[in-house]
Amino acid sequence: MARPPAPRNADDGERIAKVLAHAGVASRREAERMIEEGRVSLNGKVLTTPAVKVTPGDDVRVDGKPIAERPPTRLWRHHKPDGLVTTHADPQGRETVFQSLPKDMGRVISIGRLDLTSEGLLLLTNDGELARVLELPSTGWTRRYRVRAYGEITEEAIEKLKKGISVEGVKYGPIDVVVDRRTGSNTWLTVGLKEGKNREVRKVLSAVGLTVNRLLRTAYGPFQLGALEKGKTEEIRRSVLREQLGKLYPLDGDGYPMKEGAREADMTGKAVAKPDRPRPPAPAGKGPKRPSPGAPRGKSAPGKRPDNKARKPDAHHRRKP
C-alpha cells in the first residue's frame, strides 16, 4: 500500500491537499475541491475539509485507490494545437490535450491553460505544488504571445495597456504590447503579461478595439516554444529544470523539492537571506591580534608570552656582523 512522503516537519505533518499535489493527483486547488466532493479518505474516513494534516503511515486514498509514492518533479513542453481543451474531462465531450499525450508520461497537469482556439506552449508537470507556484502572478514570470488581430492599435492604447486597465469590472495588470507588422486589415503583435487571467489577451485587446483571430503562446518564463512541432511533447532535462527554477522552487540532485529548512522564501519567490552571525569588530590600531581558531587560550594578558619574556629572534632573522 502506498504511503505519503514524510512531512517536512514530522510533528506537524503536511496538509492533505499539499500531499495530493506533490503526488501528482491534482493541483492544490483541485485537490481541495476533490476533498469537498467527498472523494478523498484518510485512514478509512472520508474527509469533508482540507484542514487536515497527514503524517507518515497514514493511508490516503482518492476514489478508493491509494495515492502513489511521490515521484521526482518533472516538467514538459507541449505544443498545443488549436481545437483542444486544456482539461482532463470536458462536459461537452470535446477532445482534450491530455488524451493525445504519450501514455508513459503518467498523470500530469497543466501550468496555466490555453483556451480552445489558442495554441502554442503549454507547460505540463507531475507536481501540483510546482504548478501552483508557477501560476502565481507574484512569481513574476512573463507569458509571451504572438497575436494576430483585426483592426489597428494606437500608441495611446498601447500606453494605456502598459499601465493596466479594467474590463467589465476586472482589473488587469500592466501588459506590454509591441506592433510587429500590419498585413491588410490585420495587425501582428507581441504581447507580454504576468497574470494570465481567463482569456486575458482577448479581453484587453478587445477593450482597445482589436479582435483577436489567432493567439500563439511562445514563452512561459524562461521556457520557450522554439521549434517544437505542433502536437509534440518534450521533457525538460532535470539539470535545466533545476537551473531555471533556482531559488523559486529548489530541487535536489534527484529532482525532489528541497526541504523548507534548506532555504527561506516569501510568496514572491525571492529568497530571503538568513542574517549572518554578528562578528566582533576588528581591533583598532596596532593592538594585539585575535587568536587563531583552535589556539589554546591561556590566562596571560593578550599579546604577551606566558613567561612575559621577549621572544628571541630566530637564527635566520639575526643581523650579520
C-alpha atoms as a PDB file:
ATOM      1  CA  MET A   1       0.000   0.000   0.000  1.00  0.00           C
ATOM      2  CA  ALA A   2       1.409   3.380  -0.972  1.00  0.00           C
ATOM      3  CA  ARG A   3       2.232   5.781   1.779  1.00  0.00           C
ATOM      4  CA  PRO A   4       2.514   9.560   1.653  1.00  0.00           C
ATOM      5  CA  PRO A   5       6.016  11.024   1.836  1.00  0.00           C
ATOM      6  CA  ALA A   6       7.493  12.001   5.165  1.00  0.00           C
ATOM      7  CA  PRO A   7       6.412  15.526   6.026  1.00  0.00           C
ATOM      8  CA  ARG A   8       8.903  18.332   6.317  1.00  0.00           C
ATOM      9  CA  ASN A   9       8.018  18.615   9.963  1.00  0.00           C
ATOM     10  CA  ALA A  10       7.242  15.184  11.349  1.00  0.00           C
ATOM     11  CA  ASP A  11       5.498  16.691  14.371  1.00  0.00           C
ATOM     12  CA  ASP A  12       3.009  18.747  12.388  1.00  0.00           C
ATOM     13  CA  GLY A  13       2.653  16.733   9.172  1.00  0.00           C
ATOM     14  CA  GLU A  14       1.620  18.164   5.806  1.00  0.00           C
ATOM     15  CA  ARG A  15      -1.735  19.469   4.699  1.00  0.00           C
ATOM     16  CA  ILE A  16      -3.718  16.824   2.828  1.00  0.00           C
ATOM     17  CA  ALA A  17      -4.141  18.992  -0.298  1.00  0.00           C
ATOM     18  CA  LYS A  18      -0.390  19.558  -0.421  1.00  0.00           C
ATOM     19  CA  VAL A  19       0.299  15.820  -0.172  1.00  0.00           C
ATOM     20  CA  LEU A  20      -2.107  15.166  -3.056  1.00  0.00           C
ATOM     21  CA  ALA A  21      -0.481  17.900  -5.117  1.00  0.00           C
ATOM     22  CA  HIS A  22       3.012  16.531  -4.503  1.00  0.00           C
ATOM     23  CA  ALA A  23       1.838  13.056  -5.510  1.00  0.00           C
ATOM     24  CA  GLY A  24       0.659  14.446  -8.846  1.00  0.00           C
ATOM     25  CA  VAL A  25      -3.019  13.765  -8.172  1.00  0.00           C
ATOM     26  CA  ALA A  26      -4.087  17.339  -8.888  1.00  0.00           C
ATOM     27  CA  SER A  27      -3.176  20.930  -8.171  1.00  0.00           C
ATOM     28  CA  ARG A  28      -3.712  22.042  -4.604  1.00  0.00           C
ATOM     29  CA  ARG A  29      -6.861  23.952  -5.523  1.00  0.00           C
ATOM     30  CA  GLU A  30      -8.306  20.986  -7.408  1.00  0.00           C
ATOM     31  CA  ALA A  31      -7.358  18.679  -4.535  1.00  0.00           C
ATOM     32  CA  GLU A  32      -9.327  20.846  -2.122  1.00  0.00           C
ATOM     33  CA  ARG A  33     -12.312  20.631  -4.447  1.00  0.00           C
ATOM     34  CA  MET A  34     -11.975  16.832  -4.584  1.00  0.00           C
ATOM     35  CA  ILE A  35     -11.983  16.745  -0.778  1.00  0.00           C
ATOM     36  CA  GLU A  36     -15.142  18.847  -0.634  1.00  0.00           C
ATOM     37  CA  GLU A  37     -16.755  16.391  -3.059  1.00  0.00           C
ATOM     38  CA  GLY A  38     -16.008  13.516  -0.664  1.00  0.00           C
ATOM     39  CA  ARG A  39     -13.560  11.736  -2.969  1.00  0.00           C
ATOM     40  CA  VAL A  40     -10.631  11.641  -0.530  1.00  0.00           C
ATOM     41  CA  SER A  41     -10.285   9.453   2.551  1.00  0.00           C
ATOM     42  CA  LEU A  42      -7.704   9.351   5.338  1.00  0.00           C
ATOM     43  CA  ASN A  43      -7.264   6.086   7.257  1.00  0.00           C
ATOM     44  CA  GLY A  44     -10.661   4.885   6.085  1.00  0.00           C
ATOM     45  CA  LYS A  45     -12.548   8.090   6.933  1.00  0.00           C
ATOM     46  CA  VAL A  46     -13.943  10.251   4.139  1.00  0.00           C
ATOM     47  CA  LEU A  47     -12.728  13.824   4.500  1.00  0.00           C
ATOM     48  CA  THR A  48     -15.040  16.812   4.277  1.00  0.00           C
ATOM     49  CA  THR A  49     -12.469  19.565   4.844  1.00  0.00           C
ATOM     50  CA  PRO A  50      -8.917  20.184   3.609  1.00  0.00           C
ATOM     51  CA  ALA A  51      -7.915  21.403   7.085  1.00  0.00           C
ATOM     52  CA  VAL A  52      -6.328  18.044   7.860  1.00  0.00           C
ATOM     53  CA  LYS A  53      -2.655  17.062   8.126  1.00  0.00           C
ATOM     54  CA  VAL A  54      -1.053  13.808   7.043  1.00  0.00           C
ATOM     55  CA  THR A  55       1.771  12.058   8.855  1.00  0.00           C
ATOM     56  CA  PRO A  56       3.922   9.035   7.897  1.00  0.00           C
ATOM     57  CA  GLY A  57       1.960   5.793   7.945  1.00  0.00           C
ATOM     58  CA  ASP A  58      -1.387   7.396   7.111  1.00  0.00           C
ATOM     59  CA  ASP A  59      -3.454   5.736   4.398  1.00  0.00           C
ATOM     60  CA  VAL A  60      -4.569   8.349   1.856  1.00  0.00           C
ATOM     61  CA  ARG A  61      -6.945   7.319  -0.911  1.00  0.00           C
ATOM     62  CA  VAL A  62      -8.657   9.057  -3.804  1.00  0.00           C
ATOM     63  CA  ASP A  63     -11.814   7.453  -5.174  1.00  0.00           C
ATOM     64  CA  GLY A  64     -10.954   4.398  -3.070  1.00  0.00           C
ATOM     65  CA  LYS A  65      -7.471   3.958  -4.550  1.00  0.00           C
ATOM     66  CA  PRO A  66      -4.250   4.636  -2.581  1.00  0.00           C
ATOM     67  CA  ILE A  67      -2.174   7.507  -3.858  1.00  0.00           C
ATOM     68  CA  ALA A  68       1.165   6.692  -5.420  1.00  0.00           C
ATOM     69  CA  GLU A  69       4.504   7.422  -3.843  1.00  0.00           C
ATOM     70  CA  ARG A  70       5.693  10.879  -4.586  1.00  0.00           C
ATOM     71  CA  PRO A  71       7.794  10.896  -7.793  1.00  0.00           C
ATOM     72  CA  PRO A  72      10.606  13.316  -8.662  1.00  0.00           C
ATOM     73  CA  THR A  73       9.411  16.613 -10.110  1.00  0.00           C
ATOM     74  CA  ARG A  74       9.244  16.615 -13.907  1.00  0.00           C
ATOM     75  CA  LEU A  75       8.305  19.268 -16.458  1.00  0.00           C
ATOM     76  CA  TRP A  76       7.428  19.031 -20.150  1.00  0.00           C
ATOM     77  CA  ARG A  77       6.987  21.477 -23.023  1.00  0.00           C
ATOM     78  CA  HIS A  78       3.964  20.755 -25.188  1.00  0.00           C
ATOM     79  CA  HIS A  79       2.910  22.480 -28.410  1.00  0.00           C
ATOM     80  CA  LYS A  80      -0.857  22.662 -28.072  1.00  0.00           C
ATOM     81  CA  PRO A  81      -2.791  22.775 -31.346  1.00  0.00           C
ATOM     82  CA  ASP A  82      -5.972  24.806 -31.569  1.00  0.00           C
ATOM     83  CA  GLY A  83      -9.232  22.898 -31.233  1.00  0.00           C
ATOM     84  CA  LEU A  84      -8.293  21.109 -27.988  1.00  0.00           C
ATOM     85  CA  VAL A  85      -9.421  21.995 -24.485  1.00  0.00           C
ATOM     86  CA  THR A  86      -6.980  22.119 -21.569  1.00  0.00           C
ATOM     87  CA  THR A  87      -8.867  19.951 -19.117  1.00  0.00           C
ATOM     88  CA  HIS A  88      -8.870  16.301 -18.097  1.00  0.00           C
ATOM     89  CA  ALA A  89     -12.588  15.825 -18.722  1.00  0.00           C
ATOM     90  CA  ASP A  90     -14.796  18.067 -20.840  1.00  0.00           C
ATOM     91  CA  PRO A  91     -18.561  18.096 -20.111  1.00  0.00           C
ATOM     92  CA  GLN A  92     -19.233  18.754 -23.795  1.00  0.00           C
ATOM     93  CA  GLY A  93     -17.213  15.757 -24.906  1.00  0.00           C
ATOM     94  CA  ARG A  94     -14.599  17.761 -26.806  1.00  0.00           C
ATOM     95  CA  GLU A  95     -11.122  16.344 -27.328  1.00  0.00           C
ATOM     96  CA  THR A  96      -8.650  17.333 -24.631  1.00  0.00           C
ATOM     97  CA  VAL A  97      -4.921  17.993 -24.608  1.00  0.00           C
ATOM     98  CA  PHE A  98      -4.334  15.105 -22.219  1.00  0.00           C
ATOM     99  CA  GLN A  99      -5.896  12.488 -24.488  1.00  0.00           C
ATOM    100  CA  SER A 100      -3.155  12.973 -27.056  1.00  0.00           C
ATOM    101  CA  LEU A 101      -0.164  12.830 -24.677  1.00  0.00           C
ATOM    102  CA  PRO A 102       2.245   9.853 -24.589  1.00  0.00           C
ATOM    103  CA  LYS A 103       0.960   7.225 -22.171  1.00  0.00           C
ATOM    104  CA  ASP A 104       4.314   6.799 -20.432  1.00  0.00           C
ATOM    105  CA  MET A 105       4.094  10.345 -19.047  1.00  0.00           C
ATOM    106  CA  GLY A 106       1.601   9.238 -16.408  1.00  0.00           C
ATOM    107  CA  ARG A 107      -0.857  11.710 -14.964  1.00  0.00           C
ATOM    108  CA  VAL A 108       0.179  15.328 -15.467  1.00  0.00           C
ATOM    109  CA  ILE A 109      -1.465  18.699 -15.032  1.00  0.00           C
ATOM    110  CA  SER A 110      -1.043  21.931 -16.939  1.00  0.00           C
ATOM    111  CA  ILE A 111       0.580  25.088 -15.645  1.00  0.00           C
ATOM    112  CA  GLY A 112      -1.998  27.624 -16.664  1.00  0.00           C
ATOM    113  CA  ARG A 113      -4.315  26.993 -19.583  1.00  0.00           C
ATOM    114  CA  LEU A 114      -4.852  27.817 -23.224  1.00  0.00           C
ATOM    115  CA  ASP A 115      -8.427  28.109 -24.410  1.00  0.00           C
ATOM    116  CA  LEU A 116      -9.983  26.095 -27.241  1.00  0.00           C
ATOM    117  CA  THR A 117      -8.813  28.262 -30.137  1.00  0.00           C
ATOM    118  CA  SER A 118      -5.422  29.213 -28.656  1.00  0.00           C
ATOM    119  CA  GLU A 119      -2.235  27.334 -29.465  1.00  0.00           C
ATOM    120  CA  GLY A 120       1.429  27.235 -28.582  1.00  0.00           C
ATOM    121  CA  LEU A 121       3.482  26.490 -25.491  1.00  0.00           C
ATOM    122  CA  LEU A 122       1.795  24.614 -22.669  1.00  0.00           C
ATOM    123  CA  LEU A 123       3.875  23.520 -19.685  1.00  0.00           C
ATOM    124  CA  LEU A 124       2.931  20.182 -18.111  1.00  0.00           C
ATOM    125  CA  THR A 125       4.112  18.762 -14.789  1.00  0.00           C
ATOM    126  CA  ASN A 126       3.535  15.862 -12.427  1.00  0.00           C
ATOM    127  CA  ASP A 127       3.984  18.174  -9.411  1.00  0.00           C
ATOM    128  CA  GLY A 128       0.855  20.068  -8.432  1.00  0.00           C
ATOM    129  CA  GLU A 129       2.760  22.245  -5.984  1.00  0.00           C
ATOM    130  CA  LEU A 130       5.116  23.395  -8.737  1.00  0.00           C
ATOM    131  CA  ALA A 131       2.098  24.227 -10.918  1.00  0.00           C
ATOM    132  CA  ARG A 132       0.666  26.372  -8.147  1.00  0.00           C
ATOM    133  CA  VAL A 133       3.934  28.264  -7.672  1.00  0.00           C
ATOM    134  CA  LEU A 134       4.464  28.978 -11.361  1.00  0.00           C
ATOM    135  CA  GLU A 135       0.882  30.179 -11.841  1.00  0.00           C
ATOM    136  CA  LEU A 136       1.187  32.852  -9.157  1.00  0.00           C
ATOM    137  CA  PRO A 137       1.431  36.369 -10.647  1.00  0.00           C
ATOM    138  CA  SER A 138       3.850  37.217  -7.825  1.00  0.00           C
ATOM    139  CA  THR A 139       6.311  34.716  -9.286  1.00  0.00           C
ATOM    140  CA  GLY A 140       6.965  37.371 -11.911  1.00  0.00           C
ATOM    141  CA  TRP A 141       7.298  35.082 -14.935  1.00  0.00           C
ATOM    142  CA  THR A 142       6.207  36.643 -18.212  1.00  0.00           C
ATOM    143  CA  ARG A 143       3.873  34.802 -20.564  1.00  0.00           C
ATOM    144  CA  ARG A 144       4.592  35.918 -24.117  1.00  0.00           C
ATOM    145  CA  TYR A 145       2.252  35.627 -27.115  1.00  0.00           C
ATOM    146  CA  ARG A 146       2.226  36.218 -30.859  1.00  0.00           C
ATOM    147  CA  VAL A 147      -1.144  37.705 -31.712  1.00  0.00           C
ATOM    148  CA  ARG A 148      -2.929  38.404 -34.978  1.00  0.00           C
ATOM    149  CA  ALA A 149      -5.854  40.762 -34.531  1.00  0.00           C
ATOM    150  CA  TYR A 150      -8.322  42.528 -36.776  1.00  0.00           C
ATOM    151  CA  GLY A 151      -8.005  46.303 -36.594  1.00  0.00           C
ATOM    152  CA  GLU A 152      -5.343  48.823 -35.666  1.00  0.00           C
ATOM    153  CA  ILE A 153      -3.955  49.830 -32.313  1.00  0.00           C
ATOM    154  CA  THR A 154      -2.865  53.352 -31.406  1.00  0.00           C
ATOM    155  CA  GLU A 155       0.108  54.454 -29.332  1.00  0.00           C
ATOM    156  CA  GLU A 156      -2.367  55.833 -26.820  1.00  0.00           C
ATOM    157  CA  ALA A 157      -3.936  52.370 -26.439  1.00  0.00           C
ATOM    158  CA  ILE A 158      -0.508  50.754 -26.027  1.00  0.00           C
ATOM    159  CA  GLU A 159       0.377  53.186 -23.228  1.00  0.00           C
ATOM    160  CA  LYS A 160      -2.987  52.509 -21.616  1.00  0.00           C
ATOM    161  CA  LEU A 161      -2.323  48.770 -21.585  1.00  0.00           C
ATOM    162  CA  LYS A 162       1.127  49.296 -20.090  1.00  0.00           C
ATOM    163  CA  LYS A 163      -0.466  50.972 -17.075  1.00  0.00           C
ATOM    164  CA  GLY A 164      -3.109  48.266 -16.658  1.00  0.00           C
ATOM    165  CA  ILE A 165      -6.808  48.561 -17.407  1.00  0.00           C
ATOM    166  CA  SER A 166     -10.158  47.363 -16.101  1.00  0.00           C
ATOM    167  CA  VAL A 167     -12.551  45.431 -18.333  1.00  0.00           C
ATOM    168  CA  GLU A 168     -16.080  44.691 -17.136  1.00  0.00           C
ATOM    169  CA  GLY A 169     -15.049  45.285 -13.549  1.00  0.00           C
ATOM    170  CA  VAL A 170     -11.933  43.082 -13.722  1.00  0.00           C
ATOM    171  CA  LYS A 171      -8.591  44.777 -13.115  1.00  0.00           C
ATOM    172  CA  TYR A 172      -5.711  43.651 -15.353  1.00  0.00           C
ATOM    173  CA  GLY A 173      -2.097  44.419 -14.556  1.00  0.00           C
ATOM    174  CA  PRO A 174       0.458  46.022 -16.886  1.00  0.00           C
ATOM    175  CA  ILE A 175       0.621  44.467 -20.350  1.00  0.00           C
ATOM    176  CA  ASP A 176       3.443  45.061 -22.835  1.00  0.00           C
ATOM    177  CA  VAL A 177       2.381  45.331 -26.469  1.00  0.00           C
ATOM    178  CA  VAL A 178       4.715  45.682 -29.452  1.00  0.00           C
ATOM    179  CA  VAL A 179       3.414  46.127 -33.003  1.00  0.00           C
ATOM    180  CA  ASP A 180       5.368  43.782 -35.290  1.00  0.00           C
ATOM    181  CA  ARG A 181       3.706  44.457 -38.642  1.00  0.00           C
ATOM    182  CA  ARG A 182       0.426  45.166 -40.376  1.00  0.00           C
ATOM    183  CA  THR A 183      -0.934  42.939 -43.141  1.00  0.00           C
ATOM    184  CA  GLY A 184      -4.079  44.242 -44.762  1.00  0.00           C
ATOM    185  CA  SER A 185      -6.736  44.690 -42.101  1.00  0.00           C
ATOM    186  CA  ASN A 186      -4.823  42.631 -39.525  1.00  0.00           C
ATOM    187  CA  THR A 187      -2.130  43.663 -37.057  1.00  0.00           C
ATOM    188  CA  TRP A 188       0.550  41.303 -35.723  1.00  0.00           C
ATOM    189  CA  LEU A 189       1.543  41.945 -32.111  1.00  0.00           C
ATOM    190  CA  THR A 190       3.857  40.571 -29.444  1.00  0.00           C
ATOM    191  CA  VAL A 191       2.119  40.648 -26.081  1.00  0.00           C
ATOM    192  CA  GLY A 192       3.694  40.035 -22.672  1.00  0.00           C
ATOM    193  CA  LEU A 193       1.856  39.712 -19.362  1.00  0.00           C
ATOM    194  CA  LYS A 194       2.407  38.233 -15.900  1.00  0.00           C
ATOM    195  CA  GLU A 195      -1.071  37.383 -14.625  1.00  0.00           C
ATOM    196  CA  GLY A 196      -2.618  35.052 -17.192  1.00  0.00           C
ATOM    197  CA  LYS A 197      -6.262  35.549 -16.202  1.00  0.00           C
ATOM    198  CA  ASN A 198      -9.012  33.781 -18.121  1.00  0.00           C
ATOM    199  CA  ARG A 199      -8.926  34.902 -21.784  1.00  0.00           C
ATOM    200  CA  GLU A 200      -6.895  37.932 -20.716  1.00  0.00           C
ATOM    201  CA  VAL A 201      -5.251  38.729 -24.052  1.00  0.00           C
ATOM    202  CA  ARG A 202      -8.515  38.574 -25.986  1.00  0.00           C
ATOM    203  CA  LYS A 203     -10.390  40.706 -23.457  1.00  0.00           C
ATOM    204  CA  VAL A 204      -7.856  43.507 -23.047  1.00  0.00           C
ATOM    205  CA  LEU A 205      -7.244  43.817 -26.795  1.00  0.00           C
ATOM    206  CA  SER A 206     -10.978  43.853 -27.409  1.00  0.00           C
ATOM    207  CA  ALA A 207     -11.214  46.739 -24.939  1.00  0.00           C
ATOM    208  CA  VAL A 208      -8.927  48.833 -27.191  1.00  0.00           C
ATOM    209  CA  GLY A 209     -10.745  47.946 -30.420  1.00  0.00           C
ATOM    210  CA  LEU A 210      -8.975  44.775 -31.637  1.00  0.00           C
ATOM    211  CA  THR A 211     -10.495  41.375 -32.407  1.00  0.00           C
ATOM    212  CA  VAL A 212      -8.039  38.510 -31.892  1.00  0.00           C
ATOM    213  CA  ASN A 213      -8.222  35.853 -34.624  1.00  0.00           C
ATOM    214  CA  ARG A 214      -5.042  33.955 -33.788  1.00  0.00           C
ATOM    215  CA  LEU A 215      -3.251  33.514 -30.468  1.00  0.00           C
ATOM    216  CA  LEU A 216       0.032  31.624 -30.078  1.00  0.00           C
ATOM    217  CA  ARG A 217       1.921  31.427 -26.779  1.00  0.00           C
ATOM    218  CA  THR A 218       5.646  31.464 -27.451  1.00  0.00           C
ATOM    219  CA  ALA A 219       7.114  31.560 -23.942  1.00  0.00           C
ATOM    220  CA  TYR A 220       6.284  30.962 -20.295  1.00  0.00           C
ATOM    221  CA  GLY A 221       9.001  32.472 -18.151  1.00  0.00           C
ATOM    222  CA  PRO A 222      12.389  31.109 -19.278  1.00  0.00           C
ATOM    223  CA  PHE A 223      10.844  28.222 -21.242  1.00  0.00           C
ATOM    224  CA  GLN A 224      10.379  28.779 -24.983  1.00  0.00           C
ATOM    225  CA  LEU A 225       8.213  27.112 -27.604  1.00  0.00           C
ATOM    226  CA  GLY A 226      11.108  27.248 -30.051  1.00  0.00           C
ATOM    227  CA  ALA A 227      10.940  24.807 -32.951  1.00  0.00           C
ATOM    228  CA  LEU A 228       8.785  22.252 -31.111  1.00  0.00           C
ATOM    229  CA  GLU A 229       6.339  20.832 -33.644  1.00  0.00           C
ATOM    230  CA  LYS A 230       2.607  21.173 -33.187  1.00  0.00           C
ATOM    231  CA  GLY A 231       1.202  18.378 -31.042  1.00  0.00           C
ATOM    232  CA  LYS A 232       4.643  17.262 -29.846  1.00  0.00           C
ATOM    233  CA  THR A 233       5.827  16.964 -26.242  1.00  0.00           C
ATOM    234  CA  GLU A 234       9.396  17.218 -24.949  1.00  0.00           C
ATOM    235  CA  GLU A 235      10.637  16.782 -21.389  1.00  0.00           C
ATOM    236  CA  ILE A 236      12.899  19.447 -19.943  1.00  0.00           C
ATOM    237  CA  ARG A 237      16.144  17.976 -18.638  1.00  0.00           C
ATOM    238  CA  ARG A 238      16.499  17.871 -14.878  1.00  0.00           C
ATOM    239  CA  SER A 239      19.666  19.957 -14.930  1.00  0.00           C
ATOM    240  CA  VAL A 240      17.916  22.689 -16.930  1.00  0.00           C
ATOM    241  CA  LEU A 241      14.864  22.486 -14.684  1.00  0.00           C
ATOM    242  CA  ARG A 242      16.955  22.914 -11.541  1.00  0.00           C
ATOM    243  CA  GLU A 243      18.833  25.833 -13.064  1.00  0.00           C
ATOM    244  CA  GLN A 244      15.733  27.684 -14.238  1.00  0.00           C
ATOM    245  CA  LEU A 245      13.679  27.135 -11.101  1.00  0.00           C
ATOM    246  CA  GLY A 246      16.594  28.189  -8.913  1.00  0.00           C
ATOM    247  CA  LYS A 247      15.539  29.507  -5.511  1.00  0.00           C
ATOM    248  CA  LEU A 248      11.927  29.815  -6.632  1.00  0.00           C
ATOM    249  CA  TYR A 249      11.365  26.051  -6.313  1.00  0.00           C
ATOM    250  CA  PRO A 250      14.719  24.435  -5.491  1.00  0.00           C
ATOM    251  CA  LEU A 251      15.190  20.772  -6.351  1.00  0.00           C
ATOM    252  CA  ASP A 252      17.823  18.379  -5.087  1.00  0.00           C
ATOM    253  CA  GLY A 253      20.021  16.243  -7.318  1.00  0.00           C
ATOM    254  CA  ASP A 254      17.339  13.560  -7.623  1.00  0.00           C
ATOM    255  CA  GLY A 255      14.630  16.001  -8.663  1.00  0.00           C
ATOM    256  CA  TYR A 256      12.767  16.211  -5.350  1.00  0.00           C
ATOM    257  CA  PRO A 257      11.804  19.597  -3.842  1.00  0.00           C
ATOM    258  CA  MET A 258      14.239  20.599  -1.135  1.00  0.00           C
ATOM    259  CA  LYS A 259      13.037  20.726   2.448  1.00  0.00           C
ATOM    260  CA  GLU A 260      11.839  24.035   3.813  1.00  0.00           C
ATOM    261  CA  GLY A 261      14.750  24.157   6.230  1.00  0.00           C
ATOM    262  CA  ALA A 262      17.193  24.406   3.313  1.00  0.00           C
ATOM    263  CA  ARG A 263      16.026  27.876   2.372  1.00  0.00           C
ATOM    264  CA  GLU A 264      13.532  30.546   3.294  1.00  0.00           C
ATOM    265  CA  ALA A 265      11.315  32.120   0.619  1.00  0.00           C
ATOM    266  CA  ASP A 266       8.422  34.523   0.641  1.00  0.00           C
ATOM    267  CA  MET A 267       5.410  34.345  -1.679  1.00  0.00           C
ATOM    268  CA  THR A 268       7.183  36.426  -4.320  1.00  0.00           C
ATOM    269  CA  GLY A 269       9.558  33.522  -4.877  1.00  0.00           C
ATOM    270  CA  LYS A 270      12.589  35.584  -3.902  1.00  0.00           C
ATOM    271  CA  ALA A 271      14.986  34.030  -1.479  1.00  0.00           C
ATOM    272  CA  VAL A 272      15.103  35.563   1.968  1.00  0.00           C
ATOM    273  CA  ALA A 273      18.665  35.590   3.192  1.00  0.00           C
ATOM    274  CA  LYS A 274      19.201  34.465   6.741  1.00  0.00           C
ATOM    275  CA  PRO A 275      21.015  37.059   8.867  1.00  0.00           C
ATOM    276  CA  ASP A 276      24.710  36.424   9.260  1.00  0.00           C
ATOM    277  CA  ARG A 277      26.050  35.711  12.723  1.00  0.00           C
ATOM    278  CA  PRO A 278      27.422  39.021  14.114  1.00  0.00           C
ATOM    279  CA  ARG A 279      31.174  39.240  14.113  1.00  0.00           C
ATOM    280  CA  PRO A 280      33.211  41.123  16.736  1.00  0.00           C
ATOM    281  CA  PRO A 281      34.739  44.366  15.485  1.00  0.00           C
ATOM    282  CA  ALA A 282      38.286  44.247  14.190  1.00  0.00           C
ATOM    283  CA  PRO A 283      40.885  45.545  16.680  1.00  0.00           C
ATOM    284  CA  ALA A 284      41.751  49.171  16.161  1.00  0.00           C
ATOM    285  CA  GLY A 285      45.260  50.485  15.609  1.00  0.00           C
ATOM    286  CA  LYS A 286      48.235  48.229  16.234  1.00  0.00           C
ATOM    287  CA  GLY A 287      46.723  46.368  19.119  1.00  0.00           C
ATOM    288  CA  PRO A 288      47.112  42.653  19.704  1.00  0.00           C
ATOM    289  CA  LYS A 289      45.736  40.280  17.095  1.00  0.00           C
ATOM    290  CA  ARG A 290      42.852  37.912  17.825  1.00  0.00           C
ATOM    291  CA  PRO A 291      44.000  34.345  18.479  1.00  0.00           C
ATOM    292  CA  SER A 292      43.501  31.985  15.593  1.00  0.00           C
ATOM    293  CA  PRO A 293      40.600  29.476  15.824  1.00  0.00           C
ATOM    294  CA  GLY A 294      41.553  26.441  17.857  1.00  0.00           C
ATOM    295  CA  ALA A 295      44.536  28.090  19.502  1.00  0.00           C
ATOM    296  CA  PRO A 296      44.912  27.328  23.242  1.00  0.00           C
ATOM    297  CA  ARG A 297      43.576  30.029  25.463  1.00  0.00           C
ATOM    298  CA  GLY A 298      45.747  30.944  28.438  1.00  0.00           C
ATOM    299  CA  LYS A 299      45.203  33.289  31.363  1.00  0.00           C
ATOM    300  CA  SER A 300      48.078  35.534  30.414  1.00  0.00           C
ATOM    301  CA  ALA A 301      47.466  39.005  29.055  1.00  0.00           C
ATOM    302  CA  PRO A 302      46.790  39.125  25.301  1.00  0.00           C
ATOM    303  CA  GLY A 303      49.816  39.728  23.171  1.00  0.00           C
ATOM    304  CA  LYS A 304      52.336  38.523  25.789  1.00  0.00           C
ATOM    305  CA  ARG A 305      54.065  35.223  26.193  1.00  0.00           C
ATOM    306  CA  PRO A 306      53.142  33.289  29.346  1.00  0.00           C
ATOM    307  CA  ASP A 307      56.613  33.883  30.861  1.00  0.00           C
ATOM    308  CA  ASN A 308      56.473  37.596  29.934  1.00  0.00           C
ATOM    309  CA  LYS A 309      59.864  37.273  28.253  1.00  0.00           C
ATOM    310  CA  ALA A 310      60.554  38.860  24.926  1.00  0.00           C
ATOM    311  CA  ARG A 311      60.841  36.419  22.084  1.00  0.00           C
ATOM    312  CA  LYS A 312      64.401  35.945  20.856  1.00  0.00           C
ATOM    313  CA  PRO A 313      64.940  36.447  17.175  1.00  0.00           C
ATOM    314  CA  ASP A 314      65.349  33.343  15.097  1.00  0.00           C
ATOM    315  CA  ALA A 315      68.746  32.499  13.710  1.00  0.00           C
ATOM    316  CA  HIS A 316      67.816  33.426  10.155  1.00  0.00           C
ATOM    317  CA  HIS A 317      66.487  36.791  11.343  1.00  0.00           C
ATOM    318  CA  ARG A 318      69.714  37.811  13.134  1.00  0.00           C
ATOM    319  CA  ARG A 319      71.738  40.581  11.575  1.00  0.00           C
ATOM    320  CA  LYS A 320      75.009  39.706  10.015  1.00  0.00           C
ATOM    321  CA  PRO A 321      78.029  41.420  11.571  1.00  0.00           C
END
